[in-house]
PDB file of N, CA and C in Angstrom:
ATOM      1  N   MET A   1     -74.523   8.225  26.557  1.00  0.00           N
ATOM      2  CA  MET A   1     -73.870   7.266  25.677  1.00  0.00           C
ATOM      3  C   MET A   1     -73.115   6.256  26.560  1.00  0.00           C
ATOM      4  N   ASN A   2     -73.402   5.003  26.329  1.00  0.00           N
ATOM      5  CA  ASN A   2     -72.745   3.972  27.119  1.00  0.00           C
ATOM      6  C   ASN A   2     -71.448   3.498  26.438  1.00  0.00           C
ATOM      7  N   LYS A   3     -70.718   2.652  27.146  1.00  0.00           N
ATOM      8  CA  LYS A   3     -69.405   2.202  26.634  1.00  0.00           C
ATOM      9  C   LYS A   3     -69.519   1.412  25.345  1.00  0.00           C
ATOM     10  N   LYS A   4     -70.600   0.641  25.214  1.00  0.00           N
ATOM     11  CA  LYS A   4     -70.767  -0.187  24.012  1.00  0.00           C
ATOM     12  C   LYS A   4     -70.855   0.710  22.770  1.00  0.00           C
ATOM     13  N   ASN A   5     -71.651   1.744  22.854  1.00  0.00           N
ATOM     14  CA  ASN A   5     -71.778   2.667  21.719  1.00  0.00           C
ATOM     15  C   ASN A   5     -70.476   3.403  21.446  1.00  0.00           C
ATOM     16  N   LEU A   6     -69.817   3.845  22.510  1.00  0.00           N
ATOM     17  CA  LEU A   6     -68.566   4.585  22.352  1.00  0.00           C
ATOM     18  C   LEU A   6     -67.498   3.751  21.658  1.00  0.00           C
ATOM     19  N   PHE A   7     -67.310   2.522  22.115  1.00  0.00           N
ATOM     20  CA  PHE A   7     -66.291   1.667  21.508  1.00  0.00           C
ATOM     21  C   PHE A   7     -66.709   1.215  20.112  1.00  0.00           C
ATOM     22  N   GLY A   8     -67.984   1.050  19.865  1.00  0.00           N
ATOM     23  CA  GLY A   8     -68.459   0.705  18.531  1.00  0.00           C
ATOM     24  C   GLY A   8     -68.178   1.814  17.531  1.00  0.00           C
ATOM     25  N   ILE A   9     -68.456   3.044  17.931  1.00  0.00           N
ATOM     26  CA  ILE A   9     -68.194   4.200  17.068  1.00  0.00           C
ATOM     27  C   ILE A   9     -66.695   4.357  16.831  1.00  0.00           C
ATOM     28  N   LEU A  10     -65.909   4.192  17.881  1.00  0.00           N
ATOM     29  CA  LEU A  10     -64.451   4.303  17.745  1.00  0.00           C
ATOM     30  C   LEU A  10     -63.911   3.231  16.788  1.00  0.00           C
ATOM     31  N   GLY A  11     -64.395   2.016  16.881  1.00  0.00           N
ATOM     32  CA  GLY A  11     -63.960   0.951  15.993  1.00  0.00           C
ATOM     33  C   GLY A  11     -64.313   1.226  14.530  1.00  0.00           C
ATOM     34  N   VAL A  12     -65.520   1.693  14.298  1.00  0.00           N
ATOM     35  CA  VAL A  12     -65.937   1.995  12.931  1.00  0.00           C
ATOM     36  C   VAL A  12     -65.123   3.161  12.374  1.00  0.00           C
ATOM     37  N   LEU A  13     -64.878   4.168  13.193  1.00  0.00           N
ATOM     38  CA  LEU A  13     -64.055   5.305  12.733  1.00  0.00           C
ATOM     39  C   LEU A  13     -62.646   4.879  12.381  1.00  0.00           C
ATOM     40  N   CYS A  14     -62.076   3.973  13.149  1.00  0.00           N
ATOM     41  CA  CYS A  14     -60.726   3.478  12.829  1.00  0.00           C
ATOM     42  C   CYS A  14     -60.703   2.741  11.494  1.00  0.00           C
ATOM     43  N   ILE A  15     -61.725   1.956  11.227  1.00  0.00           N
ATOM     44  CA  ILE A  15     -61.786   1.237   9.957  1.00  0.00           C
ATOM     45  C   ILE A  15     -61.987   2.203   8.795  1.00  0.00           C
ATOM     46  N   ILE A  16     -62.841   3.194   8.972  1.00  0.00           N
ATOM     47  CA  ILE A  16     -63.056   4.204   7.941  1.00  0.00           C
ATOM     48  C   ILE A  16     -61.774   4.994   7.683  1.00  0.00           C
ATOM     49  N   ALA A  17     -61.054   5.335   8.760  1.00  0.00           N
ATOM     50  CA  ALA A  17     -59.794   6.074   8.619  1.00  0.00           C
ATOM     51  C   ALA A  17     -58.777   5.253   7.848  1.00  0.00           C
ATOM     52  N   SER A  18     -58.732   3.957   8.123  1.00  0.00           N
ATOM     53  CA  SER A  18     -57.793   3.082   7.425  1.00  0.00           C
ATOM     54  C   SER A  18     -58.097   3.018   5.939  1.00  0.00           C
ATOM     55  N   ILE A  19     -59.353   2.888   5.601  1.00  0.00           N
ATOM     56  CA  ILE A  19     -59.754   2.846   4.187  1.00  0.00           C
ATOM     57  C   ILE A  19     -59.440   4.189   3.513  1.00  0.00           C
ATOM     58  N   ALA A  20     -59.716   5.294   4.197  1.00  0.00           N
ATOM     59  CA  ALA A  20     -59.449   6.618   3.639  1.00  0.00           C
ATOM     60  C   ALA A  20     -57.949   6.814   3.429  1.00  0.00           C
ATOM     61  N   MET A  21     -57.139   6.371   4.382  1.00  0.00           N
ATOM     62  CA  MET A  21     -55.692   6.498   4.236  1.00  0.00           C
ATOM     63  C   MET A  21     -55.205   5.741   3.006  1.00  0.00           C
ATOM     64  N   TYR A  22     -55.727   4.556   2.779  1.00  0.00           N
ATOM     65  CA  TYR A  22     -55.299   3.765   1.626  1.00  0.00           C
ATOM     66  C   TYR A  22     -55.723   4.440   0.319  1.00  0.00           C
ATOM     67  N   MET A  23     -56.974   4.905   0.276  1.00  0.00           N
ATOM     68  CA  MET A  23     -57.497   5.512  -0.955  1.00  0.00           C
ATOM     69  C   MET A  23     -56.774   6.816  -1.287  1.00  0.00           C
ATOM     70  N   ILE A  24     -56.520   7.626  -0.284  1.00  0.00           N
ATOM     71  CA  ILE A  24     -55.830   8.900  -0.528  1.00  0.00           C
ATOM     72  C   ILE A  24     -54.365   8.650  -0.880  1.00  0.00           C
ATOM     73  N   GLY A  25     -53.737   7.716  -0.203  1.00  0.00           N
ATOM     74  CA  GLY A  25     -52.315   7.441  -0.416  1.00  0.00           C
ATOM     75  C   GLY A  25     -52.007   6.818  -1.757  1.00  0.00           C
ATOM     76  N   LYS A  26     -52.931   6.021  -2.296  1.00  0.00           N
ATOM     77  CA  LYS A  26     -52.627   5.373  -3.580  1.00  0.00           C
ATOM     78  C   LYS A  26     -52.757   6.317  -4.757  1.00  0.00           C
ATOM     79  N   ASN A  27     -53.465   7.433  -4.579  1.00  0.00           N
ATOM     80  CA  ASN A  27     -53.665   8.375  -5.676  1.00  0.00           C
ATOM     81  C   ASN A  27     -52.668   9.513  -5.688  1.00  0.00           C
ATOM     82  N   SER A  28     -51.918   9.705  -4.612  1.00  0.00           N
ATOM     83  CA  SER A  28     -51.030  10.848  -4.527  1.00  0.00           C
ATOM     84  C   SER A  28     -49.607  10.396  -4.210  1.00  0.00           C
ATOM     85  N   SER A  29     -48.663  10.849  -5.023  1.00  0.00           N
ATOM     86  CA  SER A  29     -47.274  10.491  -4.769  1.00  0.00           C
ATOM     87  C   SER A  29     -46.718  11.249  -3.565  1.00  0.00           C
ATOM     88  N   HIS A  30     -47.283  12.394  -3.247  1.00  0.00           N
ATOM     89  CA  HIS A  30     -46.830  13.177  -2.105  1.00  0.00           C
ATOM     90  C   HIS A  30     -47.321  12.576  -0.774  1.00  0.00           C
ATOM     91  N   LEU A  31     -48.379  11.822  -0.823  1.00  0.00           N
ATOM     92  CA  LEU A  31     -48.968  11.246   0.391  1.00  0.00           C
ATOM     93  C   LEU A  31     -48.832   9.731   0.415  1.00  0.00           C
ATOM     94  N   SER A  32     -47.760   9.222  -0.167  1.00  0.00           N
ATOM     95  CA  SER A  32     -47.588   7.773  -0.249  1.00  0.00           C
ATOM     96  C   SER A  32     -47.400   7.136   1.128  1.00  0.00           C
ATOM     97  N   GLU A  33     -47.012   7.929   2.140  1.00  0.00           N
ATOM     98  CA  GLU A  33     -46.873   7.381   3.490  1.00  0.00           C
ATOM     99  C   GLU A  33     -48.219   6.869   4.007  1.00  0.00           C
ATOM    100  N   LEU A  34     -49.288   7.506   3.574  1.00  0.00           N
ATOM    101  CA  LEU A  34     -50.613   7.039   3.989  1.00  0.00           C
ATOM    102  C   LEU A  34     -50.867   5.630   3.498  1.00  0.00           C
ATOM    103  N   LYS A  35     -50.474   5.353   2.258  1.00  0.00           N
ATOM    104  CA  LYS A  35     -50.653   4.014   1.710  1.00  0.00           C
ATOM    105  C   LYS A  35     -49.748   3.003   2.407  1.00  0.00           C
ATOM    106  N   ASP A  36     -48.558   3.459   2.812  1.00  0.00           N
ATOM    107  CA  ASP A  36     -47.623   2.545   3.474  1.00  0.00           C
ATOM    108  C   ASP A  36     -48.115   2.152   4.873  1.00  0.00           C
ATOM    109  N   PHE A  37     -48.812   3.048   5.547  1.00  0.00           N
ATOM    110  CA  PHE A  37     -49.217   2.806   6.914  1.00  0.00           C
ATOM    111  C   PHE A  37     -50.737   2.766   7.090  1.00  0.00           C
ATOM    112  N   TRP A  38     -51.472   2.368   6.064  1.00  0.00           N
ATOM    113  CA  TRP A  38     -52.927   2.335   6.150  1.00  0.00           C
ATOM    114  C   TRP A  38     -53.433   1.323   7.173  1.00  0.00           C
ATOM    115  N   TRP A  39     -52.628   0.334   7.497  1.00  0.00           N
ATOM    116  CA  TRP A  39     -53.049  -0.734   8.406  1.00  0.00           C
ATOM    117  C   TRP A  39     -52.914  -0.343   9.873  1.00  0.00           C
ATOM    118  N   MET A  40     -52.258   0.761  10.165  1.00  0.00           N
ATOM    119  CA  MET A  40     -51.993   1.128  11.567  1.00  0.00           C
ATOM    120  C   MET A  40     -53.270   1.295  12.410  1.00  0.00           C
ATOM    121  N   PRO A  41     -54.341   1.910  11.936  1.00  0.00           N
ATOM    122  CA  PRO A  41     -55.547   2.045  12.777  1.00  0.00           C
ATOM    123  C   PRO A  41     -56.355   0.758  12.924  1.00  0.00           C
ATOM    124  N   LEU A  42     -56.065  -0.253  12.123  1.00  0.00           N
ATOM    125  CA  LEU A  42     -56.868  -1.481  12.158  1.00  0.00           C
ATOM    126  C   LEU A  42     -56.804  -2.230  13.492  1.00  0.00           C
ATOM    127  N   PRO A  43     -55.633  -2.422  14.108  1.00  0.00           N
ATOM    128  CA  PRO A  43     -55.638  -3.119  15.403  1.00  0.00           C
ATOM    129  C   PRO A  43     -56.442  -2.372  16.471  1.00  0.00           C
ATOM    130  N   LEU A  44     -56.351  -1.038  16.503  1.00  0.00           N
ATOM    131  CA  LEU A  44     -57.141  -0.267  17.448  1.00  0.00           C
ATOM    132  C   LEU A  44     -58.620  -0.430  17.184  1.00  0.00           C
ATOM    133  N   GLY A  45     -59.006  -0.418  15.902  1.00  0.00           N
ATOM    134  CA  GLY A  45     -60.404  -0.624  15.559  1.00  0.00           C
ATOM    135  C   GLY A  45     -60.895  -2.004  15.929  1.00  0.00           C
ATOM    136  N   ALA A  46     -60.065  -3.016  15.705  1.00  0.00           N
ATOM    137  CA  ALA A  46     -60.458  -4.379  16.053  1.00  0.00           C
ATOM    138  C   ALA A  46     -60.623  -4.549  17.564  1.00  0.00           C
ATOM    139  N   ILE A  47     -59.700  -3.949  18.328  1.00  0.00           N
ATOM    140  CA  ILE A  47     -59.801  -4.032  19.780  1.00  0.00           C
ATOM    141  C   ILE A  47     -61.045  -3.291  20.267  1.00  0.00           C
ATOM    142  N   ALA A  48     -61.310  -2.122  19.709  1.00  0.00           N
ATOM    143  CA  ALA A  48     -62.487  -1.370  20.115  1.00  0.00           C
ATOM    144  C   ALA A  48     -63.786  -2.123  19.782  1.00  0.00           C
ATOM    145  N   LEU A  49     -63.838  -2.773  18.633  1.00  0.00           N
ATOM    146  CA  LEU A  49     -65.035  -3.537  18.275  1.00  0.00           C
ATOM    147  C   LEU A  49     -65.193  -4.758  19.177  1.00  0.00           C
ATOM    148  N   LEU A  50     -64.099  -5.392  19.543  1.00  0.00           N
ATOM    149  CA  LEU A  50     -64.172  -6.523  20.469  1.00  0.00           C
ATOM    150  C   LEU A  50     -64.658  -6.078  21.855  1.00  0.00           C
ATOM    151  N   ILE A  51     -64.178  -4.938  22.313  1.00  0.00           N
ATOM    152  CA  ILE A  51     -64.645  -4.418  23.594  1.00  0.00           C
ATOM    153  C   ILE A  51     -66.128  -4.064  23.511  1.00  0.00           C
ATOM    154  N   ALA A  52     -66.554  -3.483  22.396  1.00  0.00           N
ATOM    155  CA  ALA A  52     -67.960  -3.133  22.235  1.00  0.00           C
ATOM    156  C   ALA A  52     -68.845  -4.376  22.222  1.00  0.00           C
ATOM    157  N   ALA A  53     -68.346  -5.447  21.638  1.00  0.00           N
ATOM    158  CA  ALA A  53     -69.137  -6.677  21.583  1.00  0.00           C
ATOM    159  C   ALA A  53     -69.177  -7.354  22.950  1.00  0.00           C
ATOM    160  N   LYS A  54     -68.122  -7.183  23.755  1.00  0.00           N
ATOM    161  CA  LYS A  54     -68.032  -7.850  25.049  1.00  0.00           C
ATOM    162  C   LYS A  54     -68.763  -7.076  26.142  1.00  0.00           C
ATOM    163  N   THR A  55     -68.807  -5.749  26.053  1.00  0.00           N
ATOM    164  CA  THR A  55     -69.439  -4.924  27.075  1.00  0.00           C
ATOM    165  C   THR A  55     -70.926  -5.204  27.122  1.00  0.00           C
ATOM    166  N   LYS A  56     -71.430  -5.358  28.343  1.00  0.00           N
ATOM    167  CA  LYS A  56     -72.865  -5.680  28.511  1.00  0.00           C
ATOM    168  C   LYS A  56     -73.734  -4.472  28.356  1.00  0.00           C
TER     169      LYS A  56
END
């Protein structure tokens, strides 16, 4: 597995985690912190996708 694939997978997982955090947090009052911080994995995912696009 090369770096492009690794960072691409990491970026996609961060975006999926962010969506899952929002969906789970909005339906449960006990897990409302997930909805409050759903955006936290997005910068890491964006950076990972940019590195994947830049890596040769």
